[in-house]
Amino acid sequence: MEKSFSESYKAAGVDITAGYKAVELMKEHVAKTMMFGNVPSDIGGFGGLFELDIKNIKEPVLVSGTDGVGTKLKMAFLMDKHDTVGIDCVAMCVNDIICVGAKPLFFLDYIAVGKNYPEKVAMIVKGVAEGCIQSEAALIGGETAEMPGFYPEDEYDLAGFAVGVVDKSKILKKETICEGDVIIGLPSSGVHSNGFSLVRKVLDVEKEDIKKPLAALGGKSIGETLLTPTKIYVKPMVKLFEEVTVKSVAHITGGGFYENIPRSLPKGFGVKIERETVKVLPIFELIAERGNIPERDMFNTFNMGVGMTVIVAKEDADKTLEVLKAGGEDAYILGSVVKSEEGVELC
């Protein structure tokens, strides 16, 4: 690798040796994820290998999910903090995978930079690795592309994808949902990774002192609050799947309650949610106030403090809450399933 150097390519803005240094710096973070599954390859090869263990799965079905961090990355640039957005990237993928009842197996990332600063890239990957650890998934590969002239030197984009597995007989069946079933909410850690184009406009983050502590945010700054990583729900949900018959799960991302919850319901059914039960986080109250945003628009854009919803039979509600709380989730009942074409009714 030491002999692989092009002065001409460097003059065009691409430093190959910086890429090699970045790989070396990220190896220690990637290595921490290798305990999750049999990974017969080292970072730096042309493909990431993963040995699939299906001895306890009768009919394995692979489940994949892909996403990026979006314009939340602008907050990382403004705060010059790059070790948490990788968690967001993993979370947006694995939280989707568990909505069908699957357990994540492995993850790959893609980082595109205007200029390859090895230490910065390593910090990004550190966050990705932490997300994989929280998901109990192996980080088996990725790509860092240096693209001068396409991205500003100090900016980057981050995306990735995850693959999981579920026994065919255990894929969640929303068709089993019936009137009277209970919908349970799992708290979010904040805005997660959606709606940031609106957030940045409303809070004017380019001009606001986003590092100043605010009483409205419990003494935290806007920047710190907005960069709080997306919560990863894998561990408590996998445990829940083992102990309770879960009918459906919704990951509350862009589109909020009104778009995501209906995706977890069969045709002809909706949910009635008691508005007062929703534990809205202070950051959403601040966004609504600063932007004079109607409540429906807020619930149609943000998670409002609920990052994931679970639907179970009424008789399984107490057990579901017990299992989730044992897994560290302060889950609570949001409402119930009703026969309706409305999707979501906040009352």
Protein backbone atom coordinates (compact mmCIF):
# COMPACT_ATOMS: atom_id res chain seq x y z
CA MET A 1 0.00 0.00 0.00
CA GLU A 2 2.92 2.35 0.70
CA LYS A 3 3.83 2.23 -3.01
CA SER A 4 0.28 3.14 -4.05
CA PHE A 5 0.52 6.91 -4.44
CA SER A 6 -0.38 9.24 -7.28
CA GLU A 7 0.87 12.81 -7.22
CA SER A 8 -1.42 13.63 -10.15
CA TYR A 9 -4.50 12.26 -8.37
CA LYS A 10 -3.56 14.17 -5.21
CA ALA A 11 -3.26 17.36 -7.23
CA ALA A 12 -6.85 16.73 -8.41
CA GLY A 13 -7.97 16.58 -4.79
CA VAL A 14 -7.90 12.85 -3.97
CA ASP A 15 -5.26 11.61 -1.52
CA ILE A 16 -5.12 7.81 -1.71
CA THR A 17 -2.82 7.57 1.30
CA ALA A 18 -5.37 9.43 3.46
CA GLY A 19 -7.81 6.64 2.65
CA TYR A 20 -5.35 4.02 3.86
CA LYS A 21 -4.77 5.94 7.07
CA ALA A 22 -8.50 6.24 7.67
CA VAL A 23 -8.88 2.46 7.30
CA GLU A 24 -6.12 1.86 9.83
CA LEU A 25 -7.68 4.28 12.32
CA MET A 26 -11.15 2.73 12.03
CA LYS A 27 -10.03 -0.89 12.39
CA GLU A 28 -10.12 -0.83 16.20
CA HIS A 29 -13.73 0.36 16.18
CA VAL A 30 -14.82 -2.20 13.57
CA ALA A 31 -13.12 -5.01 15.48
CA LYS A 32 -15.43 -4.46 18.45
CA THR A 33 -18.41 -5.55 16.33
CA MET A 34 -16.90 -8.84 15.15
CA MET A 35 -18.23 -10.75 18.16
CA PHE A 36 -21.69 -10.63 16.63
CA GLY A 37 -21.64 -13.58 14.23
CA ASN A 38 -18.90 -15.45 12.42
CA VAL A 39 -17.13 -12.92 10.19
CA PRO A 40 -14.41 -14.73 8.18
CA SER A 41 -12.92 -11.59 6.62
CA ASP A 42 -10.94 -8.55 7.68
CA ILE A 43 -11.75 -4.96 6.78
CA GLY A 44 -10.16 -3.84 3.52
CA GLY A 45 -11.22 -6.64 1.20
CA PHE A 46 -13.48 -6.34 -1.83
CA GLY A 47 -16.49 -7.83 -0.10
CA GLY A 48 -17.74 -8.28 3.44
CA LEU A 49 -18.28 -11.90 4.43
CA PHE A 50 -20.76 -13.20 7.00
CA GLU A 51 -21.37 -16.84 7.87
CA LEU A 52 -25.10 -17.35 8.39
CA ASP A 53 -26.04 -19.60 11.31
CA ILE A 54 -29.50 -21.04 10.64
CA LYS A 55 -29.44 -24.17 12.78
CA ASN A 56 -32.33 -22.85 14.91
CA ILE A 57 -34.27 -21.36 12.00
CA LYS A 58 -36.55 -23.61 9.94
CA GLU A 59 -37.26 -21.23 7.07
CA PRO A 60 -34.82 -18.29 7.10
CA VAL A 61 -35.95 -15.10 5.42
CA LEU A 62 -33.40 -12.32 4.94
CA VAL A 63 -34.64 -8.79 5.67
CA SER A 64 -32.80 -5.67 4.52
CA GLY A 65 -33.04 -1.97 5.28
CA THR A 66 -31.20 1.06 3.96
CA ASP A 67 -31.16 4.73 4.93
CA GLY A 68 -28.99 7.72 5.63
CA VAL A 69 -28.77 10.44 8.25
CA GLY A 70 -30.15 13.25 6.09
CA THR A 71 -29.70 16.91 6.89
CA LYS A 72 -29.10 16.13 10.56
CA LEU A 73 -25.50 15.96 9.34
CA LYS A 74 -25.57 19.76 9.11
CA MET A 75 -25.79 19.80 12.91
CA ALA A 76 -22.68 17.63 13.13
CA PHE A 77 -20.86 20.10 10.87
CA LEU A 78 -21.97 23.09 12.95
CA MET A 79 -21.07 21.42 16.24
CA ASP A 80 -17.92 19.84 14.78
CA LYS A 81 -18.95 16.59 16.44
CA HIS A 82 -18.84 13.46 14.32
CA ASP A 83 -18.89 10.45 16.63
CA THR A 84 -22.68 10.08 17.01
CA VAL A 85 -24.18 10.39 13.51
CA GLY A 86 -22.98 6.86 12.76
CA ILE A 87 -25.35 5.62 15.46
CA ASP A 88 -28.18 7.44 13.66
CA CYS A 89 -27.25 5.75 10.39
CA VAL A 90 -27.36 2.27 11.91
CA ALA A 91 -30.53 3.02 13.87
CA MET A 92 -32.50 4.15 10.84
CA CYS A 93 -31.78 0.81 9.16
CA VAL A 94 -32.03 -1.70 12.01
CA ASN A 95 -35.14 -0.12 13.52
CA ASP A 96 -36.88 -0.74 10.19
CA ILE A 97 -35.71 -4.35 10.09
CA ILE A 98 -37.17 -5.22 13.48
CA CYS A 99 -40.59 -3.98 12.33
CA VAL A 100 -41.06 -7.33 10.58
CA GLY A 101 -39.75 -9.35 13.52
CA ALA A 102 -36.20 -9.81 12.24
CA LYS A 103 -32.91 -9.65 14.12
CA PRO A 104 -30.10 -7.63 12.47
CA LEU A 105 -27.02 -9.61 11.40
CA PHE A 106 -24.63 -7.18 9.76
CA PHE A 107 -24.20 -3.62 8.51
CA LEU A 108 -22.23 -1.80 5.82
CA ASP A 109 -21.70 1.96 5.59
CA TYR A 110 -20.99 4.45 2.83
CA ILE A 111 -19.22 7.72 3.57
CA ALA A 112 -18.72 10.33 0.85
CA VAL A 113 -16.40 13.22 1.72
CA GLY A 114 -15.22 16.40 0.06
CA LYS A 115 -11.78 15.81 1.55
CA ASN A 116 -10.60 12.76 3.42
CA TYR A 117 -9.55 13.76 6.91
CA PRO A 118 -8.64 10.33 8.34
CA GLU A 119 -9.30 11.26 11.97
CA LYS A 120 -12.77 12.62 11.11
CA VAL A 121 -13.66 9.54 9.07
CA ALA A 122 -12.51 7.33 11.93
CA MET A 123 -14.78 9.23 14.32
CA ILE A 124 -17.74 8.72 12.00
CA VAL A 125 -17.01 4.99 11.83
CA LYS A 126 -16.65 4.91 15.60
CA GLY A 127 -20.30 5.96 15.79
CA VAL A 128 -21.30 3.37 13.21
CA ALA A 129 -19.52 0.70 15.23
CA GLU A 130 -21.27 1.83 18.41
CA GLY A 131 -24.62 1.57 16.61
CA CYS A 132 -23.71 -1.95 15.51
CA ILE A 133 -22.76 -2.91 19.08
CA GLN A 134 -26.12 -1.63 20.33
CA SER A 135 -27.78 -3.68 17.56
CA GLU A 136 -25.61 -6.76 18.12
CA ALA A 137 -24.72 -6.67 14.44
CA ALA A 138 -21.32 -6.98 12.79
CA LEU A 139 -19.85 -4.11 10.78
CA ILE A 140 -18.45 -6.20 7.93
CA GLY A 141 -17.44 -3.51 5.46
CA GLY A 142 -18.06 -0.14 3.91
CA GLU A 143 -16.79 2.46 1.51
CA THR A 144 -15.22 5.89 1.90
CA ALA A 145 -15.31 7.96 -1.28
CA GLU A 146 -13.33 11.17 -1.60
CA MET A 147 -15.24 13.43 -4.00
CA PRO A 148 -13.61 16.88 -4.32
CA GLY A 149 -15.73 19.41 -6.15
CA PHE A 150 -18.88 17.46 -5.36
CA TYR A 151 -18.93 18.01 -1.58
CA PRO A 152 -17.38 20.96 0.29
CA GLU A 153 -14.08 19.99 1.92
CA ASP A 154 -15.47 19.97 5.45
CA GLU A 155 -18.73 18.17 4.67
CA TYR A 156 -19.75 14.58 4.01
CA ASP A 157 -22.72 12.31 3.49
CA LEU A 158 -23.38 9.09 5.35
CA ALA A 159 -25.62 6.16 4.47
CA GLY A 160 -25.69 2.43 4.97
CA PHE A 161 -27.69 -0.75 4.94
CA ALA A 162 -28.37 -3.64 7.25
CA VAL A 163 -29.37 -7.25 6.72
CA GLY A 164 -31.25 -9.33 9.26
CA VAL A 165 -32.98 -12.69 9.42
CA VAL A 166 -36.30 -14.01 10.65
CA ASP A 167 -37.92 -17.42 10.60
CA LYS A 168 -40.73 -17.25 8.04
CA SER A 169 -43.29 -18.45 10.59
CA LYS A 170 -42.31 -15.59 12.92
CA ILE A 171 -42.74 -12.70 10.49
CA LEU A 172 -45.16 -10.27 12.15
CA LYS A 173 -48.68 -10.60 10.77
CA LYS A 174 -50.61 -7.34 10.91
CA GLU A 175 -53.58 -9.22 9.42
CA THR A 176 -54.18 -10.69 12.89
CA ILE A 177 -54.96 -7.23 14.31
CA CYS A 178 -58.52 -6.79 15.54
CA GLU A 179 -60.63 -4.15 17.24
CA GLY A 180 -59.68 -3.63 20.86
CA ASP A 181 -56.01 -4.46 20.47
CA VAL A 182 -53.66 -2.14 22.33
CA ILE A 183 -51.04 0.18 20.84
CA ILE A 184 -47.99 0.77 23.04
CA GLY A 185 -45.37 3.49 22.60
CA LEU A 186 -41.63 3.26 23.18
CA PRO A 187 -40.08 6.65 23.99
CA SER A 188 -37.71 8.30 21.53
CA SER A 189 -34.43 9.91 22.53
CA GLY A 190 -35.30 13.12 20.69
CA VAL A 191 -35.88 14.23 17.12
CA HIS A 192 -33.97 11.14 15.90
CA SER A 193 -33.10 11.63 12.19
CA ASN A 194 -36.18 13.08 10.54
CA GLY A 195 -37.61 16.52 9.88
CA PHE A 196 -34.29 18.32 10.14
CA SER A 197 -34.90 20.54 7.13
CA LEU A 198 -37.84 22.01 9.06
CA VAL A 199 -35.95 21.99 12.38
CA ARG A 200 -32.98 23.86 10.96
CA LYS A 201 -35.24 26.48 9.39
CA VAL A 202 -37.41 27.02 12.47
CA LEU A 203 -34.53 27.13 14.96
CA ASP A 204 -32.30 29.10 12.54
CA VAL A 205 -29.32 26.97 13.52
CA GLU A 206 -26.95 28.79 11.16
CA LYS A 207 -27.35 32.02 13.17
CA GLU A 208 -28.57 30.84 16.60
CA ASP A 209 -26.07 30.17 19.38
CA ILE A 210 -26.73 26.44 19.34
CA LYS A 211 -24.18 25.75 22.08
CA LYS A 212 -25.93 27.94 24.66
CA PRO A 213 -27.72 25.99 27.45
CA LEU A 214 -31.47 26.54 27.50
CA ALA A 215 -33.76 26.10 30.50
CA ALA A 216 -36.50 24.89 28.15
CA LEU A 217 -34.27 21.95 27.22
CA GLY A 218 -33.31 21.05 30.76
CA GLY A 219 -30.05 22.96 30.60
CA LYS A 220 -28.90 21.38 27.35
CA SER A 221 -28.13 23.38 24.23
CA ILE A 222 -30.04 23.18 20.97
CA GLY A 223 -27.02 21.62 19.27
CA GLU A 224 -26.51 18.98 21.94
CA THR A 225 -30.21 18.13 21.99
CA LEU A 226 -30.55 17.85 18.23
CA LEU A 227 -27.43 15.68 17.92
CA THR A 228 -28.77 13.15 20.45
CA PRO A 229 -28.51 9.86 18.52
CA THR A 230 -31.54 7.96 17.31
CA LYS A 231 -32.51 5.29 19.82
CA ILE A 232 -31.88 1.71 18.74
CA TYR A 233 -34.68 -0.62 19.83
CA VAL A 234 -33.20 -3.96 18.76
CA LYS A 235 -32.39 -5.60 22.10
CA PRO A 236 -35.69 -4.92 23.94
CA MET A 237 -37.72 -5.76 20.83
CA VAL A 238 -35.94 -9.04 20.13
CA LYS A 239 -36.61 -10.02 23.74
CA LEU A 240 -40.25 -9.00 23.34
CA PHE A 241 -40.64 -11.17 20.23
CA GLU A 242 -39.45 -14.14 22.29
CA GLU A 243 -41.98 -13.65 25.08
CA VAL A 244 -45.09 -12.06 23.57
CA THR A 245 -47.10 -12.51 20.36
CA VAL A 246 -46.55 -9.12 18.77
CA LYS A 247 -48.97 -8.33 15.94
CA SER A 248 -47.22 -5.36 14.36
CA VAL A 249 -44.55 -2.74 14.92
CA ALA A 250 -44.10 0.75 13.46
CA HIS A 251 -40.87 2.76 13.37
CA ILE A 252 -41.94 6.40 13.77
CA THR A 253 -39.76 8.27 11.30
CA GLY A 254 -40.51 10.95 8.69
CA GLY A 255 -44.26 11.38 8.42
CA GLY A 256 -44.71 10.94 12.15
CA PHE A 257 -47.78 9.23 13.58
CA TYR A 258 -50.04 9.86 10.60
CA GLU A 259 -47.86 8.15 8.01
CA ASN A 260 -46.07 5.40 9.91
CA ILE A 261 -48.66 3.88 12.24
CA PRO A 262 -51.13 3.14 9.38
CA ARG A 263 -48.38 1.14 7.67
CA SER A 264 -48.57 -1.30 10.57
CA LEU A 265 -52.36 -1.74 10.29
CA PRO A 266 -54.54 -3.86 7.98
CA LYS A 267 -57.08 -2.17 5.75
CA GLY A 268 -60.20 -1.06 7.58
CA PHE A 269 -58.49 -0.46 10.92
CA GLY A 270 -57.11 2.59 12.65
CA VAL A 271 -55.93 3.59 16.10
CA LYS A 272 -57.45 5.98 18.59
CA ILE A 273 -54.76 7.67 20.66
CA GLU A 274 -55.41 9.77 23.72
CA ARG A 275 -53.42 12.95 23.02
CA GLU A 276 -52.73 13.52 26.71
CA THR A 277 -51.02 10.15 27.03
CA VAL A 278 -48.28 11.11 24.57
CA LYS A 279 -45.16 12.14 26.48
CA VAL A 280 -44.01 14.94 24.21
CA LEU A 281 -40.35 15.89 24.66
CA PRO A 282 -39.37 19.55 25.32
CA ILE A 283 -37.52 19.87 22.01
CA PHE A 284 -40.79 19.38 20.11
CA GLU A 285 -42.54 22.00 22.22
CA LEU A 286 -39.71 24.41 21.41
CA ILE A 287 -39.93 23.66 17.68
CA ALA A 288 -43.72 24.12 17.65
CA GLU A 289 -43.47 27.39 19.57
CA ARG A 290 -40.62 28.90 17.55
CA GLY A 291 -42.17 27.90 14.22
CA ASN A 292 -45.81 28.44 15.15
CA ILE A 293 -46.45 24.95 13.78
CA PRO A 294 -49.95 23.44 14.17
CA GLU A 295 -50.16 20.31 16.30
CA ARG A 296 -51.29 18.12 13.44
CA ASP A 297 -48.27 19.16 11.37
CA MET A 298 -46.01 18.34 14.30
CA PHE A 299 -47.49 14.84 14.63
CA ASN A 300 -47.28 14.46 10.85
CA THR A 301 -43.57 15.33 10.74
CA PHE A 302 -41.90 14.26 13.98
CA ASN A 303 -42.01 11.29 16.35
CA MET A 304 -43.11 13.67 19.15
CA GLY A 305 -41.39 11.52 21.78
CA VAL A 306 -42.51 8.11 20.53
CA GLY A 307 -39.88 6.33 18.43
CA MET A 308 -41.65 3.02 17.97
CA THR A 309 -45.13 1.57 18.46
CA VAL A 310 -46.17 -2.00 19.15
CA ILE A 311 -49.63 -3.53 18.72
CA VAL A 312 -50.61 -6.54 20.85
CA ALA A 313 -53.80 -8.18 22.05
CA LYS A 314 -55.37 -6.46 25.06
CA GLU A 315 -54.64 -9.48 27.26
CA ASP A 316 -50.93 -9.25 26.34
CA ALA A 317 -50.56 -5.54 27.14
CA ASP A 318 -49.37 -5.92 30.73
CA LYS A 319 -46.82 -8.60 29.79
CA THR A 320 -45.58 -6.43 26.93
CA LEU A 321 -45.03 -3.46 29.23
CA GLU A 322 -43.30 -5.70 31.75
CA VAL A 323 -40.86 -7.12 29.19
CA LEU A 324 -40.10 -3.75 27.63
CA LYS A 325 -39.51 -2.09 30.99
CA ALA A 326 -37.21 -4.93 32.01
CA GLY A 327 -35.28 -4.10 28.84
CA GLY A 328 -34.90 -0.47 29.86
CA GLU A 329 -37.81 0.98 27.87
CA ASP A 330 -40.28 3.20 29.73
CA ALA A 331 -43.08 2.01 27.44
CA TYR A 332 -46.70 3.00 27.97
CA ILE A 333 -50.14 2.49 26.44
CA LEU A 334 -51.05 5.06 23.79
CA GLY A 335 -54.52 3.87 22.86
CA SER A 336 -56.37 1.11 21.06
CA VAL A 337 -57.21 -0.29 17.64
CA VAL A 338 -60.59 0.63 16.18
CA LYS A 339 -62.44 -0.12 12.96
CA SER A 340 -61.78 2.98 10.92
CA GLU A 341 -60.51 4.30 7.61
CA GLU A 342 -58.95 7.32 9.32
CA GLY A 343 -55.65 5.64 10.23
CA VAL A 344 -54.75 7.69 13.28
CA GLU A 345 -57.19 9.65 15.44
CA LEU A 346 -55.77 11.87 18.16
CA CYS A 347 -58.45 12.72 20.67
